[in-house]
Amino acid sequence: MQQLHLFGSVVTDQLDPARSDVDAVVSFPPGLDLLTAANACSTCGTPRKNSSAGAWTW
């Protein structure tokens, strides 16, 4: 991934963890596409929510 831009409620005080989704725009460097990146991520394991930090970790 080259750049990740988040927008919508996730970057405002309107975020509702029970109902909000995450809106994102991702750009990849030349030669890397979404399918290749998704396949690479599948080898990283299962993402889990870190409840103390409120973030996802692998």
N, C-alpha and C. Protein backbone atom coordinates (compact mmCIF):
# COMPACT_ATOMS: atom_id res chain seq x y z
N MET A 1 0.84 -1.16 0.00
CA MET A 1 0.00 0.00 0.00
C MET A 1 0.89 1.23 0.00
N GLN A 2 0.53 2.16 -0.84
CA GLN A 2 1.31 3.39 -0.94
C GLN A 2 0.71 4.49 -0.07
N GLN A 3 -0.61 4.65 -0.14
CA GLN A 3 -1.29 5.66 0.67
C GLN A 3 -2.63 5.11 1.14
N LEU A 4 -3.03 5.55 2.32
CA LEU A 4 -4.33 5.20 2.88
C LEU A 4 -4.98 6.48 3.37
N HIS A 5 -6.15 6.77 2.85
CA HIS A 5 -6.91 7.95 3.26
C HIS A 5 -8.22 7.48 3.88
N LEU A 6 -8.48 7.89 5.10
CA LEU A 6 -9.73 7.59 5.77
C LEU A 6 -10.64 8.81 5.70
N PHE A 7 -11.94 8.58 5.58
CA PHE A 7 -12.89 9.68 5.57
C PHE A 7 -14.20 9.20 6.17
N GLY A 8 -15.12 10.11 6.35
CA GLY A 8 -16.41 9.76 6.92
C GLY A 8 -16.39 9.81 8.43
N SER A 9 -17.31 9.08 9.04
CA SER A 9 -17.48 9.18 10.50
C SER A 9 -16.27 8.69 11.28
N VAL A 10 -15.46 7.83 10.68
CA VAL A 10 -14.31 7.30 11.40
C VAL A 10 -13.29 8.39 11.77
N VAL A 11 -13.30 9.49 11.05
CA VAL A 11 -12.36 10.58 11.35
C VAL A 11 -13.06 11.78 11.99
N THR A 12 -14.26 11.58 12.46
CA THR A 12 -15.01 12.66 13.11
C THR A 12 -15.52 12.20 14.46
N ASP A 13 -16.18 13.09 15.15
CA ASP A 13 -16.78 12.72 16.43
C ASP A 13 -18.13 12.01 16.24
N GLN A 14 -18.50 11.71 15.00
CA GLN A 14 -19.75 11.01 14.70
C GLN A 14 -19.59 9.49 14.68
N LEU A 15 -18.39 8.99 14.95
CA LEU A 15 -18.12 7.56 14.92
C LEU A 15 -18.94 6.83 15.97
N ASP A 16 -19.64 5.80 15.55
CA ASP A 16 -20.39 4.92 16.45
C ASP A 16 -19.83 3.51 16.24
N PRO A 17 -18.99 3.01 17.16
CA PRO A 17 -18.34 1.71 16.96
C PRO A 17 -19.31 0.56 16.69
N ALA A 18 -20.54 0.68 17.16
CA ALA A 18 -21.51 -0.39 16.95
C ALA A 18 -22.16 -0.34 15.56
N ARG A 19 -22.14 0.84 14.92
CA ARG A 19 -22.88 0.98 13.67
C ARG A 19 -22.06 1.52 12.50
N SER A 20 -20.96 2.20 12.77
CA SER A 20 -20.20 2.86 11.70
C SER A 20 -19.34 1.87 10.93
N ASP A 21 -19.17 2.16 9.65
CA ASP A 21 -18.21 1.43 8.86
C ASP A 21 -16.97 2.30 8.69
N VAL A 22 -15.99 1.79 8.00
CA VAL A 22 -14.77 2.55 7.75
C VAL A 22 -14.70 2.85 6.26
N ASP A 23 -14.64 4.13 5.94
CA ASP A 23 -14.52 4.56 4.55
C ASP A 23 -13.05 4.85 4.28
N ALA A 24 -12.52 4.25 3.22
CA ALA A 24 -11.10 4.42 2.93
C ALA A 24 -10.85 4.44 1.43
N VAL A 25 -9.81 5.18 1.06
CA VAL A 25 -9.29 5.16 -0.31
C VAL A 25 -7.84 4.70 -0.19
N VAL A 26 -7.49 3.69 -0.95
CA VAL A 26 -6.15 3.11 -0.89
C VAL A 26 -5.51 3.23 -2.25
N SER A 27 -4.25 3.65 -2.27
CA SER A 27 -3.51 3.63 -3.53
C SER A 27 -2.32 2.68 -3.38
N PHE A 28 -2.04 2.00 -4.48
CA PHE A 28 -0.96 1.02 -4.49
C PHE A 28 0.14 1.50 -5.42
N PRO A 29 1.38 1.10 -5.15
CA PRO A 29 2.46 1.45 -6.07
C PRO A 29 2.29 0.69 -7.39
N PRO A 30 2.92 1.16 -8.45
CA PRO A 30 2.83 0.47 -9.74
C PRO A 30 3.23 -1.01 -9.59
N GLY A 31 2.43 -1.87 -10.20
CA GLY A 31 2.73 -3.30 -10.15
C GLY A 31 2.03 -4.04 -9.03
N LEU A 32 1.42 -3.32 -8.10
CA LEU A 32 0.70 -3.97 -7.02
C LEU A 32 -0.77 -3.58 -7.14
N ASP A 33 -1.64 -4.57 -7.11
CA ASP A 33 -3.06 -4.29 -7.21
C ASP A 33 -3.78 -4.84 -5.99
N LEU A 34 -5.07 -4.59 -5.91
CA LEU A 34 -5.85 -5.00 -4.74
C LEU A 34 -5.82 -6.50 -4.52
N LEU A 35 -5.94 -7.29 -5.56
CA LEU A 35 -5.95 -8.74 -5.42
C LEU A 35 -4.62 -9.24 -4.86
N THR A 36 -3.51 -8.74 -5.38
CA THR A 36 -2.19 -9.14 -4.89
C THR A 36 -2.02 -8.75 -3.42
N ALA A 37 -2.45 -7.54 -3.07
CA ALA A 37 -2.35 -7.09 -1.69
C ALA A 37 -3.22 -7.94 -0.77
N ALA A 38 -4.43 -8.28 -1.21
CA ALA A 38 -5.33 -9.10 -0.40
C ALA A 38 -4.74 -10.48 -0.18
N ASN A 39 -4.15 -11.06 -1.20
CA ASN A 39 -3.51 -12.37 -1.05
C ASN A 39 -2.35 -12.30 -0.08
N ALA A 40 -1.58 -11.23 -0.12
CA ALA A 40 -0.46 -11.06 0.81
C ALA A 40 -0.97 -10.93 2.24
N CYS A 41 -2.06 -10.20 2.43
CA CYS A 41 -2.62 -10.02 3.76
C CYS A 41 -3.19 -11.31 4.32
N SER A 42 -3.66 -12.19 3.46
CA SER A 42 -4.24 -13.45 3.95
C SER A 42 -3.19 -14.32 4.61
N THR A 43 -1.92 -14.08 4.35
CA THR A 43 -0.86 -14.85 4.99
C THR A 43 -0.45 -14.25 6.33
N CYS A 44 -1.03 -13.10 6.69
CA CYS A 44 -0.66 -12.41 7.93
C CYS A 44 -1.41 -12.95 9.15
N GLY A 45 -2.42 -13.76 8.93
CA GLY A 45 -3.21 -14.25 10.04
C GLY A 45 -4.55 -13.55 10.10
N THR A 46 -5.25 -13.77 11.19
CA THR A 46 -6.58 -13.21 11.36
C THR A 46 -6.52 -11.92 12.16
N PRO A 47 -7.13 -10.86 11.64
CA PRO A 47 -7.15 -9.61 12.42
C PRO A 47 -8.01 -9.75 13.66
N ARG A 48 -7.58 -9.14 14.75
CA ARG A 48 -8.33 -9.17 15.99
C ARG A 48 -8.42 -7.76 16.55
N LYS A 49 -9.55 -7.47 17.15
CA LYS A 49 -9.75 -6.14 17.72
C LYS A 49 -9.06 -6.07 19.08
N ASN A 50 -8.23 -5.07 19.26
CA ASN A 50 -7.57 -4.81 20.52
C ASN A 50 -8.48 -3.87 21.29
N SER A 51 -9.26 -4.41 22.22
CA SER A 51 -10.29 -3.61 22.86
C SER A 51 -9.73 -2.47 23.70
N SER A 52 -8.55 -2.63 24.25
CA SER A 52 -8.00 -1.55 25.07
C SER A 52 -7.57 -0.35 24.21
N ALA A 53 -7.10 -0.63 22.99
CA ALA A 53 -6.67 0.45 22.12
C ALA A 53 -7.74 0.81 21.09
N GLY A 54 -8.76 -0.04 20.93
CA GLY A 54 -9.80 0.22 19.96
C GLY A 54 -9.31 0.09 18.54
N ALA A 55 -8.28 -0.72 18.31
CA ALA A 55 -7.69 -0.85 16.99
C ALA A 55 -7.62 -2.33 16.61
N TRP A 56 -7.49 -2.56 15.31
CA TRP A 56 -7.32 -3.92 14.81
C TRP A 56 -5.84 -4.25 14.71
N THR A 57 -5.47 -5.44 15.12
CA THR A 57 -4.07 -5.88 15.03
C THR A 57 -4.02 -7.26 14.42
N TRP A 58 -2.86 -7.62 13.87
CA TRP A 58 -2.66 -8.96 13.32
C TRP A 58 -1.70 -9.71 14.17
